[in-house]
């Protein structure tokens, strides 16, 4: 049985689009885990961030880059979140990230899995 939880999509959108690492980090549980798969980090060796400190460091790094971010097609259903994040570096390089996440009863992300592709 799943439980419908309340998740702050507006805060997620503001955090992503305003490159506000603090706002995004506030959406994660203290013991959250973020798993990222991309060209350099394949499924058998993904990049993993455990805990708010590691996740925060990663988010601050991404938010400091000269690029735009747009939240697209977010969906919250029961205790799950899914969204696409479209990014563009100043040099025109495009990045697309598709993510799913588990959300706890407090509306915080406990586990996120993201797959990212970059234009060449």
C-alpha atoms as a PDB file:
ATOM      1  CA  UNK A   1       0.000   0.000   0.000  1.00  0.00           C
ATOM      2  CA  UNK A   2       1.286   3.468  -0.875  1.00  0.00           C
ATOM      3  CA  UNK A   3       0.633   6.694   0.954  1.00  0.00           C
ATOM      4  CA  UNK A   4      -0.059  10.034  -0.712  1.00  0.00           C
ATOM      5  CA  UNK A   5       2.489  12.563   0.532  1.00  0.00           C
ATOM      6  CA  UNK A   6       2.816  16.283   0.038  1.00  0.00           C
ATOM      7  CA  UNK A   7       5.903  17.387  -1.883  1.00  0.00           C
ATOM      8  CA  UNK A   8       6.820  21.015  -2.594  1.00  0.00           C
ATOM      9  CA  UNK A   9       7.093  21.079  -6.411  1.00  0.00           C
ATOM     10  CA  UNK A  10       7.244  24.884  -6.378  1.00  0.00           C
ATOM     11  CA  UNK A  11      10.351  24.790  -4.181  1.00  0.00           C
ATOM     12  CA  UNK A  12      11.910  22.181  -6.474  1.00  0.00           C
ATOM     13  CA  UNK A  13      11.205  24.370  -9.515  1.00  0.00           C
ATOM     14  CA  UNK A  14      12.588  27.506  -7.852  1.00  0.00           C
ATOM     15  CA  UNK A  15      15.661  25.644  -6.618  1.00  0.00           C
ATOM     16  CA  UNK A  16      16.449  24.168 -10.027  1.00  0.00           C
ATOM     17  CA  UNK A  17      15.654  27.196 -12.159  1.00  0.00           C
ATOM     18  CA  UNK A  18      17.210  29.762  -9.785  1.00  0.00           C
ATOM     19  CA  UNK A  19      20.270  27.532  -9.202  1.00  0.00           C
ATOM     20  CA  UNK A  20      19.550  27.641  -5.458  1.00  0.00           C
ATOM     21  CA  UNK A  21      21.368  24.672  -3.920  1.00  0.00           C
ATOM     22  CA  UNK A  22      20.038  25.478  -0.443  1.00  0.00           C
ATOM     23  CA  UNK A  23      16.412  25.364  -1.567  1.00  0.00           C
ATOM     24  CA  UNK A  24      16.971  22.058  -3.343  1.00  0.00           C
ATOM     25  CA  UNK A  25      18.900  20.562  -0.427  1.00  0.00           C
ATOM     26  CA  UNK A  26      16.028  21.360   1.955  1.00  0.00           C
ATOM     27  CA  UNK A  27      13.925  18.852  -0.028  1.00  0.00           C
ATOM     28  CA  UNK A  28      16.197  15.917   0.924  1.00  0.00           C
ATOM     29  CA  UNK A  29      16.017  13.819   4.076  1.00  0.00           C
ATOM     30  CA  UNK A  30      19.156  13.751   6.247  1.00  0.00           C
ATOM     31  CA  UNK A  31      19.960  10.171   5.205  1.00  0.00           C
ATOM     32  CA  UNK A  32      18.998  10.593   1.534  1.00  0.00           C
ATOM     33  CA  UNK A  33      20.867   8.911  -1.284  1.00  0.00           C
ATOM     34  CA  UNK A  34      21.319  10.232  -4.828  1.00  0.00           C
ATOM     35  CA  UNK A  35      22.463   7.841  -7.559  1.00  0.00           C
ATOM     36  CA  UNK A  36      23.580   9.267 -10.904  1.00  0.00           C
ATOM     37  CA  UNK A  37      24.225   7.376 -14.135  1.00  0.00           C
ATOM     38  CA  UNK A  38      25.840   9.001 -17.162  1.00  0.00           C
ATOM     39  CA  UNK A  39      28.459   8.326 -19.828  1.00  0.00           C
ATOM     40  CA  UNK A  40      31.309   8.385 -17.288  1.00  0.00           C
ATOM     41  CA  UNK A  41      29.367   6.629 -14.506  1.00  0.00           C
ATOM     42  CA  UNK A  42      27.566   3.620 -16.067  1.00  0.00           C
ATOM     43  CA  UNK A  43      24.894   1.558 -14.284  1.00  0.00           C
ATOM     44  CA  UNK A  44      27.473  -0.905 -12.938  1.00  0.00           C
ATOM     45  CA  UNK A  45      29.498   1.933 -11.358  1.00  0.00           C
ATOM     46  CA  UNK A  46      27.163   4.899 -10.736  1.00  0.00           C
ATOM     47  CA  UNK A  47      28.122   8.042  -8.861  1.00  0.00           C
ATOM     48  CA  UNK A  48      26.505   7.900  -5.417  1.00  0.00           C
ATOM     49  CA  UNK A  49      26.008  10.725  -2.916  1.00  0.00           C
ATOM     50  CA  UNK A  50      24.907   9.662   0.579  1.00  0.00           C
ATOM     51  CA  UNK A  51      23.630  12.091   3.193  1.00  0.00           C
ATOM     52  CA  UNK A  52      22.813  15.778   3.055  1.00  0.00           C
ATOM     53  CA  UNK A  53      26.432  16.905   3.301  1.00  0.00           C
ATOM     54  CA  UNK A  54      27.521  14.978   0.192  1.00  0.00           C
ATOM     55  CA  UNK A  55      24.331  15.859  -1.697  1.00  0.00           C
ATOM     56  CA  UNK A  56      24.713  19.526  -0.755  1.00  0.00           C
ATOM     57  CA  UNK A  57      28.305  19.614  -1.987  1.00  0.00           C
ATOM     58  CA  UNK A  58      27.189  18.147  -5.304  1.00  0.00           C
ATOM     59  CA  UNK A  59      24.255  20.567  -5.659  1.00  0.00           C
ATOM     60  CA  UNK A  60      26.463  23.577  -4.875  1.00  0.00           C
ATOM     61  CA  UNK A  61      28.915  22.434  -7.558  1.00  0.00           C
ATOM     62  CA  UNK A  62      26.177  22.074 -10.183  1.00  0.00           C
ATOM     63  CA  UNK A  63      24.521  25.378  -9.244  1.00  0.00           C
ATOM     64  CA  UNK A  64      27.845  27.241  -9.526  1.00  0.00           C
ATOM     65  CA  UNK A  65      28.237  26.300 -13.203  1.00  0.00           C
ATOM     66  CA  UNK A  66      27.466  28.826 -15.935  1.00  0.00           C
ATOM     67  CA  UNK A  67      24.316  27.160 -17.232  1.00  0.00           C
ATOM     68  CA  UNK A  68      20.542  27.388 -17.216  1.00  0.00           C
ATOM     69  CA  UNK A  69      18.238  24.755 -15.733  1.00  0.00           C
ATOM     70  CA  UNK A  70      14.567  24.108 -16.446  1.00  0.00           C
ATOM     71  CA  UNK A  71      12.280  21.721 -14.610  1.00  0.00           C
ATOM     72  CA  UNK A  72      10.034  19.894 -17.055  1.00  0.00           C
ATOM     73  CA  UNK A  73       7.124  17.506 -16.657  1.00  0.00           C
ATOM     74  CA  UNK A  74       7.268  16.946 -12.887  1.00  0.00           C
ATOM     75  CA  UNK A  75       4.895  14.331 -11.483  1.00  0.00           C
ATOM     76  CA  UNK A  76       4.187  13.433  -7.871  1.00  0.00           C
ATOM     77  CA  UNK A  77       2.125  10.294  -7.314  1.00  0.00           C
ATOM     78  CA  UNK A  78       1.708   8.583  -3.969  1.00  0.00           C
ATOM     79  CA  UNK A  79       5.232   8.528  -2.493  1.00  0.00           C
ATOM     80  CA  UNK A  80       7.118   9.005  -5.767  1.00  0.00           C
ATOM     81  CA  UNK A  81       8.469  11.924  -7.779  1.00  0.00           C
ATOM     82  CA  UNK A  82       9.582  11.988 -11.416  1.00  0.00           C
ATOM     83  CA  UNK A  83      10.890  14.903 -13.449  1.00  0.00           C
ATOM     84  CA  UNK A  84      13.067  15.957 -16.341  1.00  0.00           C
ATOM     85  CA  UNK A  85      15.667  18.687 -16.002  1.00  0.00           C
ATOM     86  CA  UNK A  86      16.852  20.356 -19.212  1.00  0.00           C
ATOM     87  CA  UNK A  87      20.103  22.319 -18.944  1.00  0.00           C
ATOM     88  CA  UNK A  88      22.223  24.389 -21.264  1.00  0.00           C
ATOM     89  CA  UNK A  89      25.791  25.563 -20.717  1.00  0.00           C
ATOM     90  CA  UNK A  90      26.854  29.007 -21.934  1.00  0.00           C
ATOM     91  CA  UNK A  91      28.804  27.343 -24.765  1.00  0.00           C
ATOM     92  CA  UNK A  92      25.599  25.710 -26.046  1.00  0.00           C
ATOM     93  CA  UNK A  93      26.200  22.206 -24.645  1.00  0.00           C
ATOM     94  CA  UNK A  94      22.868  20.688 -23.685  1.00  0.00           C
ATOM     95  CA  UNK A  95      22.247  18.274 -20.830  1.00  0.00           C
ATOM     96  CA  UNK A  96      19.094  16.286 -20.156  1.00  0.00           C
ATOM     97  CA  UNK A  97      18.495  14.557 -16.842  1.00  0.00           C
ATOM     98  CA  UNK A  98      15.581  12.251 -16.050  1.00  0.00           C
ATOM     99  CA  UNK A  99      15.082  11.477 -12.372  1.00  0.00           C
ATOM    100  CA  UNK A 100      12.810   9.471 -10.138  1.00  0.00           C
ATOM    101  CA  UNK A 101      12.706   9.706  -6.374  1.00  0.00           C
ATOM    102  CA  UNK A 102      11.123   8.167  -3.299  1.00  0.00           C
ATOM    103  CA  UNK A 103       9.460  10.629  -0.920  1.00  0.00           C
ATOM    104  CA  UNK A 104       8.902  10.020   2.795  1.00  0.00           C
ATOM    105  CA  UNK A 105       5.840  10.949   4.859  1.00  0.00           C
ATOM    106  CA  UNK A 106       7.421  14.347   5.635  1.00  0.00           C
ATOM    107  CA  UNK A 107       7.611  15.156   1.910  1.00  0.00           C
ATOM    108  CA  UNK A 108      11.377  14.769   1.691  1.00  0.00           C
ATOM    109  CA  UNK A 109      13.372  12.863  -0.904  1.00  0.00           C
ATOM    110  CA  UNK A 110      14.944   9.728   0.539  1.00  0.00           C
ATOM    111  CA  UNK A 111      16.371   8.153  -2.626  1.00  0.00           C
ATOM    112  CA  UNK A 112      16.819   9.611  -6.107  1.00  0.00           C
ATOM    113  CA  UNK A 113      18.027   7.920  -9.270  1.00  0.00           C
ATOM    114  CA  UNK A 114      19.001  10.102 -12.216  1.00  0.00           C
ATOM    115  CA  UNK A 115      20.158   9.316 -15.739  1.00  0.00           C
ATOM    116  CA  UNK A 116      21.919  12.144 -17.551  1.00  0.00           C
ATOM    117  CA  UNK A 117      22.862  12.605 -21.218  1.00  0.00           C
ATOM    118  CA  UNK A 118      25.100  15.319 -22.667  1.00  0.00           C
ATOM    119  CA  UNK A 119      25.277  16.645 -26.198  1.00  0.00           C
ATOM    120  CA  UNK A 120      28.645  16.043 -27.857  1.00  0.00           C
END
